[in-house]
PDB file of all heavy atoms in Angstrom:
ATOM      1  N   ILE A   1      14.850 -84.475   9.838  1.00  0.00           N
ATOM      2  CA  ILE A   1      13.615 -84.702   9.086  1.00  0.00           C
ATOM      3  C   ILE A   1      13.013 -86.042   9.472  1.00  0.00           C
ATOM      4  O   ILE A   1      13.714 -87.068   9.505  1.00  0.00           O
ATOM      5  CB  ILE A   1      13.892 -84.680   7.570  1.00  0.00           C
ATOM      6  CG1 ILE A   1      14.493 -83.329   7.165  1.00  0.00           C
ATOM      7  CG2 ILE A   1      12.622 -84.972   6.779  1.00  0.00           C
ATOM      8  CD1 ILE A   1      14.976 -83.291   5.717  1.00  0.00           C
ATOM      9  N   ASP A   2      11.719 -86.061   9.734  1.00  0.00           N
ATOM     10  CA  ASP A   2      11.001 -87.302   9.999  1.00  0.00           C
ATOM     11  C   ASP A   2      10.955 -88.111   8.697  1.00  0.00           C
ATOM     12  O   ASP A   2      10.440 -87.616   7.683  1.00  0.00           O
ATOM     13  CB  ASP A   2       9.579 -86.977  10.465  1.00  0.00           C
ATOM     14  CG  ASP A   2       8.757 -88.209  10.806  1.00  0.00           C
ATOM     15  OD1 ASP A   2       9.125 -89.332  10.395  1.00  0.00           O
ATOM     16  OD2 ASP A   2       7.721 -88.051  11.468  1.00  0.00           O
ATOM     17  N   PRO A   3      11.487 -89.341   8.684  1.00  0.00           N
ATOM     18  CA  PRO A   3      11.481 -90.119   7.432  1.00  0.00           C
ATOM     19  C   PRO A   3      10.079 -90.391   6.907  1.00  0.00           C
ATOM     20  O   PRO A   3       9.884 -90.488   5.689  1.00  0.00           O
ATOM     21  CB  PRO A   3      12.219 -91.411   7.809  1.00  0.00           C
ATOM     22  CG  PRO A   3      12.194 -91.476   9.290  1.00  0.00           C
ATOM     23  CD  PRO A   3      12.173 -90.060   9.771  1.00  0.00           C
ATOM     24  N   LYS A   4       9.096 -90.494   7.790  1.00  0.00           N
ATOM     25  CA  LYS A   4       7.717 -90.688   7.332  1.00  0.00           C
ATOM     26  C   LYS A   4       7.241 -89.462   6.573  1.00  0.00           C
ATOM     27  O   LYS A   4       6.552 -89.583   5.548  1.00  0.00           O
ATOM     28  CB  LYS A   4       6.795 -90.972   8.522  1.00  0.00           C
ATOM     29  CG  LYS A   4       7.049 -92.298   9.214  1.00  0.00           C
ATOM     30  CD  LYS A   4       6.086 -92.492  10.377  1.00  0.00           C
ATOM     31  CE  LYS A   4       6.347 -93.819  11.093  1.00  0.00           C
ATOM     32  NZ  LYS A   4       5.451 -93.993  12.267  1.00  0.00           N
ATOM     33  N   ALA A   5       7.587 -88.272   7.068  1.00  0.00           N
ATOM     34  CA  ALA A   5       7.210 -87.042   6.377  1.00  0.00           C
ATOM     35  C   ALA A   5       7.901 -86.955   5.021  1.00  0.00           C
ATOM     36  O   ALA A   5       7.292 -86.551   4.022  1.00  0.00           O
ATOM     37  CB  ALA A   5       7.564 -85.830   7.236  1.00  0.00           C
ATOM     38  N   TYR A   6       9.197 -87.332   4.981  1.00  0.00           N
ATOM     39  CA  TYR A   6       9.910 -87.305   3.704  1.00  0.00           C
ATOM     40  C   TYR A   6       9.213 -88.205   2.686  1.00  0.00           C
ATOM     41  O   TYR A   6       9.058 -87.827   1.517  1.00  0.00           O
ATOM     42  CB  TYR A   6      11.363 -87.741   3.878  1.00  0.00           C
ATOM     43  CG  TYR A   6      12.127 -87.700   2.573  1.00  0.00           C
ATOM     44  CD1 TYR A   6      12.814 -86.562   2.186  1.00  0.00           C
ATOM     45  CD2 TYR A   6      12.116 -88.788   1.692  1.00  0.00           C
ATOM     46  CE1 TYR A   6      13.478 -86.499   0.969  1.00  0.00           C
ATOM     47  CE2 TYR A   6      12.773 -88.740   0.475  1.00  0.00           C
ATOM     48  CZ  TYR A   6      13.455 -87.593   0.117  1.00  0.00           C
ATOM     49  OH  TYR A   6      14.096 -87.538  -1.107  1.00  0.00           O
ATOM     50  N   LEU A   7       8.797 -89.376   3.106  1.00  0.00           N
ATOM     51  CA  LEU A   7       8.139 -90.294   2.182  1.00  0.00           C
ATOM     52  C   LEU A   7       6.811 -89.725   1.685  1.00  0.00           C
ATOM     53  O   LEU A   7       6.442 -89.934   0.519  1.00  0.00           O
ATOM     54  CB  LEU A   7       7.926 -91.650   2.848  1.00  0.00           C
ATOM     55  CG  LEU A   7       9.206 -92.478   3.011  1.00  0.00           C
ATOM     56  CD1 LEU A   7       8.963 -93.669   3.933  1.00  0.00           C
ATOM     57  CD2 LEU A   7       9.721 -92.959   1.661  1.00  0.00           C
ATOM     58  N   ARG A   8       6.098 -88.999   2.526  1.00  0.00           N
ATOM     59  CA  ARG A   8       4.856 -88.352   2.066  1.00  0.00           C
ATOM     60  C   ARG A   8       5.168 -87.314   0.991  1.00  0.00           C
ATOM     61  O   ARG A   8       4.431 -87.191   0.001  1.00  0.00           O
ATOM     62  CB  ARG A   8       4.118 -87.716   3.240  1.00  0.00           C
ATOM     63  CG  ARG A   8       3.467 -88.731   4.182  1.00  0.00           C
ATOM     64  CD  ARG A   8       2.456 -88.079   5.114  1.00  0.00           C
ATOM     65  NE  ARG A   8       3.096 -87.199   6.094  1.00  0.00           N
ATOM     66  CZ  ARG A   8       3.536 -87.603   7.267  1.00  0.00           C
ATOM     67  NH1 ARG A   8       3.402 -88.868   7.626  1.00  0.00           N
ATOM     68  NH2 ARG A   8       4.090 -86.733   8.102  1.00  0.00           N
ATOM     69  N   LEU A   9       6.261 -86.579   1.174  1.00  0.00           N
ATOM     70  CA  LEU A   9       6.680 -85.610   0.154  1.00  0.00           C
ATOM     71  C   LEU A   9       7.095 -86.331  -1.118  1.00  0.00           C
ATOM     72  O   LEU A   9       6.700 -85.949  -2.236  1.00  0.00           O
ATOM     73  CB  LEU A   9       7.840 -84.773   0.688  1.00  0.00           C
ATOM     74  CG  LEU A   9       8.392 -83.686  -0.243  1.00  0.00           C
ATOM     75  CD1 LEU A   9       7.355 -82.588  -0.446  1.00  0.00           C
ATOM     76  CD2 LEU A   9       9.689 -83.090   0.324  1.00  0.00           C
ATOM     77  N   ALA A  10       7.877 -87.394  -0.977  1.00  0.00           N
ATOM     78  CA  ALA A  10       8.365 -88.144  -2.138  1.00  0.00           C
ATOM     79  C   ALA A  10       7.222 -88.779  -2.923  1.00  0.00           C
ATOM     80  O   ALA A  10       7.300 -88.915  -4.155  1.00  0.00           O
ATOM     81  CB  ALA A  10       9.348 -89.214  -1.689  1.00  0.00           C
ATOM     82  N   ASN A  11       6.180 -89.175  -2.227  1.00  0.00           N
ATOM     83  CA  ASN A  11       5.038 -89.827  -2.882  1.00  0.00           C
ATOM     84  C   ASN A  11       4.000 -88.841  -3.392  1.00  0.00           C
ATOM     85  O   ASN A  11       2.956 -89.239  -3.907  1.00  0.00           O
ATOM     86  CB  ASN A  11       4.379 -90.816  -1.910  1.00  0.00           C
ATOM     87  CG  ASN A  11       5.264 -92.011  -1.617  1.00  0.00           C
ATOM     88  OD1 ASN A  11       6.078 -92.415  -2.450  1.00  0.00           O
ATOM     89  ND2 ASN A  11       5.125 -92.586  -0.427  1.00  0.00           N
ATOM     90  N   GLY A  12       4.254 -87.548  -3.249  1.00  0.00           N
ATOM     91  CA  GLY A  12       3.348 -86.531  -3.758  1.00  0.00           C
ATOM     92  C   GLY A  12       2.124 -86.293  -2.905  1.00  0.00           C
ATOM     93  O   GLY A  12       1.172 -85.639  -3.357  1.00  0.00           O
ATOM     94  N   GLU A  13       2.129 -86.771  -1.671  1.00  0.00           N
ATOM     95  CA  GLU A  13       0.967 -86.603  -0.798  1.00  0.00           C
ATOM     96  C   GLU A  13       0.891 -85.196  -0.218  1.00  0.00           C
ATOM     97  O   GLU A  13      -0.197 -84.712   0.112  1.00  0.00           O
ATOM     98  CB  GLU A  13       1.013 -87.625   0.335  1.00  0.00           C
ATOM     99  CG  GLU A  13       0.962 -89.076  -0.138  1.00  0.00           C
ATOM    100  CD  GLU A  13       1.189 -90.056   0.998  1.00  0.00           C
ATOM    101  OE1 GLU A  13       0.910 -89.693   2.158  1.00  0.00           O
ATOM    102  OE2 GLU A  13       1.660 -91.174   0.723  1.00  0.00           O
ATOM    103  N   VAL A  14       2.048 -84.549  -0.060  1.00  0.00           N
ATOM    104  CA  VAL A  14       2.111 -83.175   0.452  1.00  0.00           C
ATOM    105  C   VAL A  14       3.118 -82.401  -0.370  1.00  0.00           C
ATOM    106  O   VAL A  14       3.985 -82.983  -1.038  1.00  0.00           O
ATOM    107  CB  VAL A  14       2.514 -83.146   1.946  1.00  0.00           C
ATOM    108  CG1 VAL A  14       1.457 -83.814   2.818  1.00  0.00           C
ATOM    109  CG2 VAL A  14       3.884 -83.806   2.158  1.00  0.00           C
ATOM    110  N   ALA A  15       3.028 -81.069  -0.319  1.00  0.00           N
ATOM    111  CA  ALA A  15       3.961 -80.220  -1.064  1.00  0.00           C
ATOM    112  C   ALA A  15       5.088 -79.697  -0.185  1.00  0.00           C
ATOM    113  O   ALA A  15       6.130 -79.283  -0.696  1.00  0.00           O
ATOM    114  CB  ALA A  15       3.216 -79.040  -1.682  1.00  0.00           C
ATOM    115  N   LYS A  16       4.877 -79.723   1.130  1.00  0.00           N
ATOM    116  CA  LYS A  16       5.878 -79.233   2.066  1.00  0.00           C
ATOM    117  C   LYS A  16       5.923 -80.140   3.286  1.00  0.00           C
ATOM    118  O   LYS A  16       4.913 -80.752   3.648  1.00  0.00           O
ATOM    119  CB  LYS A  16       5.557 -77.806   2.523  1.00  0.00           C
ATOM    120  CG  LYS A  16       5.585 -76.761   1.427  1.00  0.00           C
ATOM    121  CD  LYS A  16       5.241 -75.385   1.996  1.00  0.00           C
ATOM    122  CE  LYS A  16       5.268 -74.321   0.907  1.00  0.00           C
ATOM    123  NZ  LYS A  16       4.949 -72.970   1.463  1.00  0.00           N
ATOM    124  N   ILE A  17       7.100 -80.201   3.919  1.00  0.00           N
ATOM    125  CA  ILE A  17       7.232 -80.960   5.164  1.00  0.00           C
ATOM    126  C   ILE A  17       8.028 -80.131   6.176  1.00  0.00           C
ATOM    127  O   ILE A  17       8.870 -79.323   5.786  1.00  0.00           O
ATOM    128  CB  ILE A  17       7.924 -82.329   4.958  1.00  0.00           C
ATOM    129  CG1 ILE A  17       9.315 -82.160   4.333  1.00  0.00           C
ATOM    130  CG2 ILE A  17       7.041 -83.251   4.137  1.00  0.00           C
ATOM    131  CD1 ILE A  17      10.117 -83.447   4.260  1.00  0.00           C
ATOM    132  N   PRO A  18       7.782 -80.347   7.477  1.00  0.00           N
ATOM    133  CA  PRO A  18       8.533 -79.603   8.492  1.00  0.00           C
ATOM    134  C   PRO A  18       9.899 -80.229   8.737  1.00  0.00           C
ATOM    135  O   PRO A  18      10.116 -81.419   8.508  1.00  0.00           O
ATOM    136  CB  PRO A  18       7.640 -79.726   9.732  1.00  0.00           C
ATOM    137  CG  PRO A  18       6.965 -81.056   9.556  1.00  0.00           C
ATOM    138  CD  PRO A  18       6.732 -81.198   8.068  1.00  0.00           C
ATOM    139  N   ALA A  19      10.818 -79.419   9.224  1.00  0.00           N
ATOM    140  CA  ALA A  19      12.152 -79.891   9.609  1.00  0.00           C
ATOM    141  C   ALA A  19      12.729 -78.920  10.628  1.00  0.00           C
ATOM    142  O   ALA A  19      12.270 -77.776  10.744  1.00  0.00           O
ATOM    143  CB  ALA A  19      13.065 -79.985   8.397  1.00  0.00           C
ATOM    144  N   LYS A  20      13.724 -79.382  11.362  1.00  0.00           N
ATOM    145  CA  LYS A  20      14.462 -78.500  12.265  1.00  0.00           C
ATOM    146  C   LYS A  20      15.849 -78.298  11.685  1.00  0.00           C
ATOM    147  O   LYS A  20      16.563 -79.261  11.412  1.00  0.00           O
ATOM    148  CB  LYS A  20      14.562 -79.087  13.670  1.00  0.00           C
ATOM    149  CG  LYS A  20      15.365 -78.207  14.636  1.00  0.00           C
ATOM    150  CD  LYS A  20      15.363 -78.758  16.054  1.00  0.00           C
ATOM    151  CE  LYS A  20      14.053 -78.451  16.740  1.00  0.00           C
ATOM    152  NZ  LYS A  20      14.102 -78.801  18.189  1.00  0.00           N
ATOM    153  N   LEU A  21      16.234 -77.048  11.496  1.00  0.00           N
ATOM    154  CA  LEU A  21      17.528 -76.696  10.897  1.00  0.00           C
ATOM    155  C   LEU A  21      18.452 -76.116  11.963  1.00  0.00           C
ATOM    156  O   LEU A  21      18.054 -75.267  12.759  1.00  0.00           O
ATOM    157  CB  LEU A  21      17.334 -75.673   9.783  1.00  0.00           C
ATOM    158  CG  LEU A  21      18.599 -75.323   8.997  1.00  0.00           C
ATOM    159  CD1 LEU A  21      18.859 -76.372   7.921  1.00  0.00           C
ATOM    160  CD2 LEU A  21      18.475 -73.932   8.355  1.00  0.00           C
ATOM    161  N   PHE A  22      19.711 -76.574  11.958  1.00  0.00           N
ATOM    162  CA  PHE A  22      20.752 -75.987  12.797  1.00  0.00           C
ATOM    163  C   PHE A  22      21.883 -75.539  11.891  1.00  0.00           C
ATOM    164  O   PHE A  22      22.452 -76.339  11.139  1.00  0.00           O
ATOM    165  CB  PHE A  22      21.262 -77.001  13.817  1.00  0.00           C
ATOM    166  CG  PHE A  22      22.425 -76.517  14.632  1.00  0.00           C
ATOM    167  CD1 PHE A  22      22.306 -75.378  15.418  1.00  0.00           C
ATOM    168  CD2 PHE A  22      23.648 -77.179  14.597  1.00  0.00           C
ATOM    169  CE1 PHE A  22      23.385 -74.910  16.170  1.00  0.00           C
ATOM    170  CE2 PHE A  22      24.727 -76.722  15.350  1.00  0.00           C
ATOM    171  CZ  PHE A  22      24.591 -75.582  16.135  1.00  0.00           C
ATOM    172  N   ASP A  23      22.233 -74.263  11.965  1.00  0.00           N
ATOM    173  CA  ASP A  23      23.239 -73.698  11.061  1.00  0.00           C
ATOM    174  C   ASP A  23      24.590 -73.452  11.738  1.00  0.00           C
ATOM    175  O   ASP A  23      25.429 -72.716  11.217  1.00  0.00           O
ATOM    176  CB  ASP A  23      22.731 -72.404  10.432  1.00  0.00           C
ATOM    177  CG  ASP A  23      22.487 -71.297  11.453  1.00  0.00           C
ATOM    178  OD1 ASP A  23      22.808 -71.491  12.653  1.00  0.00           O
ATOM    179  OD2 ASP A  23      21.970 -70.233  11.058  1.00  0.00           O
ATOM    180  N   GLY A  24      24.804 -74.087  12.887  1.00  0.00           N
ATOM    181  CA  GLY A  24      26.039 -73.892  13.624  1.00  0.00           C
ATOM    182  C   GLY A  24      25.923 -72.850  14.711  1.00  0.00           C
ATOM    183  O   GLY A  24      26.768 -72.791  15.612  1.00  0.00           O
ATOM    184  N   LYS A  25      24.853 -72.041  14.649  1.00  0.00           N
ATOM    185  CA  LYS A  25      24.637 -70.994  15.651  1.00  0.00           C
ATOM    186  C   LYS A  25      23.246 -71.087  16.263  1.00  0.00           C
ATOM    187  O   LYS A  25      23.092 -71.031  17.482  1.00  0.00           O
ATOM    188  CB  LYS A  25      24.853 -69.608  15.023  1.00  0.00           C
ATOM    189  CG  LYS A  25      26.275 -69.358  14.539  1.00  0.00           C
ATOM    190  CD  LYS A  25      26.412 -67.978  13.923  1.00  0.00           C
ATOM    191  CE  LYS A  25      27.837 -67.735  13.440  1.00  0.00           C
ATOM    192  NZ  LYS A  25      27.975 -66.388  12.809  1.00  0.00           N
ATOM    193  N   THR A  26      22.241 -71.199  15.423  1.00  0.00           N
ATOM    194  CA  THR A  26      20.866 -71.206  15.917  1.00  0.00           C
ATOM    195  C   THR A  26      20.085 -72.357  15.290  1.00  0.00           C
ATOM    196  O   THR A  26      20.439 -72.868  14.216  1.00  0.00           O
ATOM    197  CB  THR A  26      20.147 -69.884  15.591  1.00  0.00           C
ATOM    198  OG1 THR A  26      20.117 -69.706  14.153  1.00  0.00           O
ATOM    199  CG2 THR A  26      20.853 -68.709  16.229  1.00  0.00           C
ATOM    200  N   THR A  27      19.020 -72.750  15.966  1.00  0.00           N
ATOM    201  CA  THR A  27      18.087 -73.738  15.418  1.00  0.00           C
ATOM    202  C   THR A  27      16.758 -73.051  15.126  1.00  0.00           C
ATOM    203  O   THR A  27      16.370 -72.101  15.825  1.00  0.00           O
ATOM    204  CB  THR A  27      17.855 -74.905  16.394  1.00  0.00           C
ATOM    205  OG1 THR A  27      17.327 -74.395  17.622  1.00  0.00           O
ATOM    206  CG2 THR A  27      19.134 -75.669  16.661  1.00  0.00           C
ATOM    207  N   ARG A  28      16.100 -73.522  14.093  1.00  0.00           N
ATOM    208  CA  ARG A  28      14.782 -72.978  13.793  1.00  0.00           C
ATOM    209  C   ARG A  28      13.962 -74.012  13.043  1.00  0.00           C
ATOM    210  O   ARG A  28      14.507 -74.896  12.372  1.00  0.00           O
ATOM    211  CB  ARG A  28      14.879 -71.691  12.980  1.00  0.00           C
ATOM    212  CG  ARG A  28      15.462 -71.834  11.594  1.00  0.00           C
ATOM    213  CD  ARG A  28      15.565 -70.474  10.916  1.00  0.00           C
ATOM    214  NE  ARG A  28      15.935 -70.555   9.517  1.00  0.00           N
ATOM    215  CZ  ARG A  28      17.175 -70.612   9.075  1.00  0.00           C
ATOM    216  NH1 ARG A  28      18.183 -70.626   9.929  1.00  0.00           N
ATOM    217  NH2 ARG A  28      17.417 -70.678   7.775  1.00  0.00           N
ATOM    218  N   GLU A  29      12.650 -73.898  13.166  1.00  0.00           N
ATOM    219  CA  GLU A  29      11.736 -74.764  12.435  1.00  0.00           C
ATOM    220  C   GLU A  29      11.545 -74.195  11.035  1.00  0.00           C
ATOM    221  O   GLU A  29      11.343 -72.983  10.862  1.00  0.00           O
ATOM    222  CB  GLU A  29      10.391 -74.862  13.158  1.00  0.00           C
ATOM    223  CG  GLU A  29      10.473 -75.444  14.563  1.00  0.00           C
ATOM    224  CD  GLU A  29      10.909 -76.903  14.571  1.00  0.00           C
ATOM    225  OE1 GLU A  29      10.645 -77.614  13.584  1.00  0.00           O
ATOM    226  OE2 GLU A  29      11.509 -77.327  15.575  1.00  0.00           O
ATOM    227  N   ILE A  30      11.622 -75.056  10.032  1.00  0.00           N
ATOM    228  CA  ILE A  30      11.479 -74.622   8.647  1.00  0.00           C
ATOM    229  C   ILE A  30      10.533 -75.568   7.917  1.00  0.00           C
ATOM    230  O   ILE A  30      10.140 -76.611   8.440  1.00  0.00           O
ATOM    231  CB  ILE A  30      12.831 -74.596   7.911  1.00  0.00           C
ATOM    232  CG1 ILE A  30      13.466 -75.998   7.890  1.00  0.00           C
ATOM    233  CG2 ILE A  30      13.773 -73.571   8.550  1.00  0.00           C
ATOM    234  CD1 ILE A  30      14.700 -76.097   7.011  1.00  0.00           C
ATOM    235  N   GLU A  31      10.160 -75.189   6.707  1.00  0.00           N
ATOM    236  CA  GLU A  31       9.408 -76.060   5.812  1.00  0.00           C
ATOM    237  C   GLU A  31      10.239 -76.317   4.567  1.00  0.00           C
ATOM    238  O   GLU A  31      10.925 -75.414   4.062  1.00  0.00           O
ATOM    239  CB  GLU A  31       8.067 -75.432   5.429  1.00  0.00           C
ATOM    240  CG  GLU A  31       7.054 -75.436   6.563  1.00  0.00           C
ATOM    241  CD  GLU A  31       5.672 -75.020   6.071  1.00  0.00           C
ATOM    242  OE1 GLU A  31       5.590 -74.111   5.205  1.00  0.00           O
ATOM    243  OE2 GLU A  31       4.681 -75.603   6.541  1.00  0.00           O
ATOM    244  N   LEU A  32      10.186 -77.548   4.082  1.00  0.00           N
ATOM    245  CA  LEU A  32      10.977 -77.957   2.931  1.00  0.00           C
ATOM    246  C   LEU A  32      10.078 -78.408   1.789  1.00  0.00           C
ATOM    247  O   LEU A  32       9.016 -79.006   2.019  1.00  0.00           O
ATOM    248  CB  LEU A  32      11.903 -79.107   3.315  1.00  0.00           C
ATOM    249  CG  LEU A  32      12.916 -78.837   4.428  1.00  0.00           C
ATOM    250  CD1 LEU A  32      13.592 -80.136   4.837  1.00  0.00           C
ATOM    251  CD2 LEU A  32      13.946 -77.806   3.990  1.00  0.00           C
ATOM    252  N   THR A  33      10.528 -78.147   0.563  1.00  0.00           N
ATOM    253  CA  THR A  33       9.870 -78.669  -0.631  1.00  0.00           C
ATOM    254  C   THR A  33      10.866 -79.543  -1.386  1.00  0.00           C
ATOM    255  O   THR A  33      12.042 -79.639  -1.009  1.00  0.00           O
ATOM    256  CB  THR A  33       9.393 -77.529  -1.554  1.00  0.00           C
ATOM    257  OG1 THR A  33      10.548 -76.900  -2.144  1.00  0.00           O
ATOM    258  CG2 THR A  33       8.594 -76.486  -0.776  1.00  0.00           C
ATOM    259  N   SER A  34      10.429 -80.140  -2.452  1.00  0.00           N
ATOM    260  CA  SER A  34      11.318 -80.999  -3.242  1.00  0.00           C
ATOM    261  C   SER A  34      12.526 -80.237  -3.757  1.00  0.00           C
ATOM    262  O   SER A  34      13.604 -80.815  -3.950  1.00  0.00           O
ATOM    263  CB  SER A  34      10.547 -81.623  -4.407  1.00  0.00           C
ATOM    264  OG  SER A  34      10.011 -80.614  -5.247  1.00  0.00           O
ATOM    265  N   ALA A  35      12.390 -78.937  -3.963  1.00  0.00           N
ATOM    266  CA  ALA A  35      13.481 -78.128  -4.504  1.00  0.00           C
ATOM    267  C   ALA A  35      14.643 -77.980  -3.528  1.00  0.00           C
ATOM    268  O   ALA A  35      15.740 -77.576  -3.928  1.00  0.00           O
ATOM    269  CB  ALA A  35      12.964 -76.745  -4.898  1.00  0.00           C
ATOM    270  N   ASP A  36      14.434 -78.319  -2.263  1.00  0.00           N
ATOM    271  CA  ASP A  36      15.484 -78.166  -1.264  1.00  0.00           C
ATOM    272  C   ASP A  36      16.471 -79.336  -1.231  1.00  0.00           C
ATOM    273  O   ASP A  36      17.507 -79.252  -0.563  1.00  0.00           O
ATOM    274  CB  ASP A  36      14.867 -78.000   0.131  1.00  0.00           C
ATOM    275  CG  ASP A  36      14.137 -76.682   0.288  1.00  0.00           C
ATOM    276  OD1 ASP A  36      14.778 -75.634   0.087  1.00  0.00           O
ATOM    277  OD2 ASP A  36      12.931 -76.701   0.599  1.00  0.00           O
ATOM    278  N   PHE A  37      16.172 -80.418  -1.946  1.00  0.00           N
ATOM    279  CA  PHE A  37      17.007 -81.613  -1.878  1.00  0.00           C
ATOM    280  C   PHE A  37      17.908 -81.734  -3.106  1.00  0.00           C
ATOM    281  O   PHE A  37      17.566 -81.275  -4.196  1.00  0.00           O
ATOM    282  CB  PHE A  37      16.130 -82.854  -1.746  1.00  0.00           C
ATOM    283  CG  PHE A  37      15.382 -82.891  -0.446  1.00  0.00           C
ATOM    284  CD1 PHE A  37      14.131 -82.293  -0.332  1.00  0.00           C
ATOM    285  CD2 PHE A  37      15.934 -83.486   0.681  1.00  0.00           C
ATOM    286  CE1 PHE A  37      13.444 -82.293   0.878  1.00  0.00           C
ATOM    287  CE2 PHE A  37      15.250 -83.503   1.891  1.00  0.00           C
ATOM    288  CZ  PHE A  37      14.003 -82.899   1.990  1.00  0.00           C
ATOM    289  N   CYS A  38      19.065 -82.346  -2.908  1.00  0.00           N
ATOM    290  CA  CYS A  38      20.047 -82.514  -3.982  1.00  0.00           C
ATOM    291  C   CYS A  38      19.620 -83.658  -4.895  1.00  0.00           C
ATOM    292  O   CYS A  38      19.785 -84.830  -4.563  1.00  0.00           O
ATOM    293  CB  CYS A  38      21.420 -82.798  -3.376  1.00  0.00           C
ATOM    294  SG  CYS A  38      22.735 -82.947  -4.597  1.00  0.00           S
ATOM    295  N   LEU A  39      19.079 -83.304  -6.038  1.00  0.00           N
ATOM    296  CA  LEU A  39      18.661 -84.279  -7.042  1.00  0.00           C
ATOM    297  C   LEU A  39      19.434 -83.999  -8.321  1.00  0.00           C
ATOM    298  O   LEU A  39      19.550 -82.848  -8.753  1.00  0.00           O
ATOM    299  CB  LEU A  39      17.160 -84.186  -7.313  1.00  0.00           C
ATOM    300  CG  LEU A  39      16.236 -84.350  -6.109  1.00  0.00           C
ATOM    301  CD1 LEU A  39      14.786 -84.194  -6.539  1.00  0.00           C
ATOM    302  CD2 LEU A  39      16.446 -85.701  -5.429  1.00  0.00           C
ATOM    303  N   VAL A  40      19.971 -85.036  -8.937  1.00  0.00           N
ATOM    304  CA  VAL A  40      20.803 -84.885 -10.132  1.00  0.00           C
ATOM    305  C   VAL A  40      20.278 -85.803 -11.234  1.00  0.00           C
ATOM    306  O   VAL A  40      19.961 -86.973 -10.983  1.00  0.00           O
ATOM    307  CB  VAL A  40      22.279 -85.231  -9.830  1.00  0.00           C
ATOM    308  CG1 VAL A  40      23.131 -85.076 -11.081  1.00  0.00           C
ATOM    309  CG2 VAL A  40      22.817 -84.349  -8.705  1.00  0.00           C
ATOM    310  N   GLY A  41      20.226 -85.280 -12.440  1.00  0.00           N
ATOM    311  CA  GLY A  41      19.827 -86.106 -13.584  1.00  0.00           C
ATOM    312  C   GLY A  41      18.433 -86.686 -13.427  1.00  0.00           C
ATOM    313  O   GLY A  41      17.458 -85.959 -13.236  1.00  0.00           O
ATOM    314  N   ALA A  42      18.348 -88.012 -13.472  1.00  0.00           N
ATOM    315  CA  ALA A  42      17.059 -88.692 -13.408  1.00  0.00           C
ATOM    316  C   ALA A  42      16.596 -88.963 -11.973  1.00  0.00           C
ATOM    317  O   ALA A  42      15.592 -89.646 -11.758  1.00  0.00           O
ATOM    318  CB  ALA A  42      17.131 -90.017 -14.175  1.00  0.00           C
ATOM    319  N   ASP A  43      17.302 -88.424 -10.987  1.00  0.00           N
ATOM    320  CA  ASP A  43      16.911 -88.637  -9.589  1.00  0.00           C
ATOM    321  C   ASP A  43      15.486 -88.170  -9.333  1.00  0.00           C
ATOM    322  O   ASP A  43      15.053 -87.131  -9.854  1.00  0.00           O
ATOM    323  CB  ASP A  43      17.826 -87.851  -8.642  1.00  0.00           C
ATOM    324  CG  ASP A  43      19.206 -88.459  -8.482  1.00  0.00           C
ATOM    325  OD1 ASP A  43      19.380 -89.643  -8.804  1.00  0.00           O
ATOM    326  OD2 ASP A  43      20.110 -87.732  -8.021  1.00  0.00           O
TER     327      ASP A  43
END
């Protein structure tokens, strides 16, 4: 994930950001939202 893109998501400037995912077998381009990240409690 591009850290600049993550910060745009964190600051509410965009609703989705691009990323490249590798699952051990294949790579693919995906889009991520805030729901994809591990947030706990007041995070």
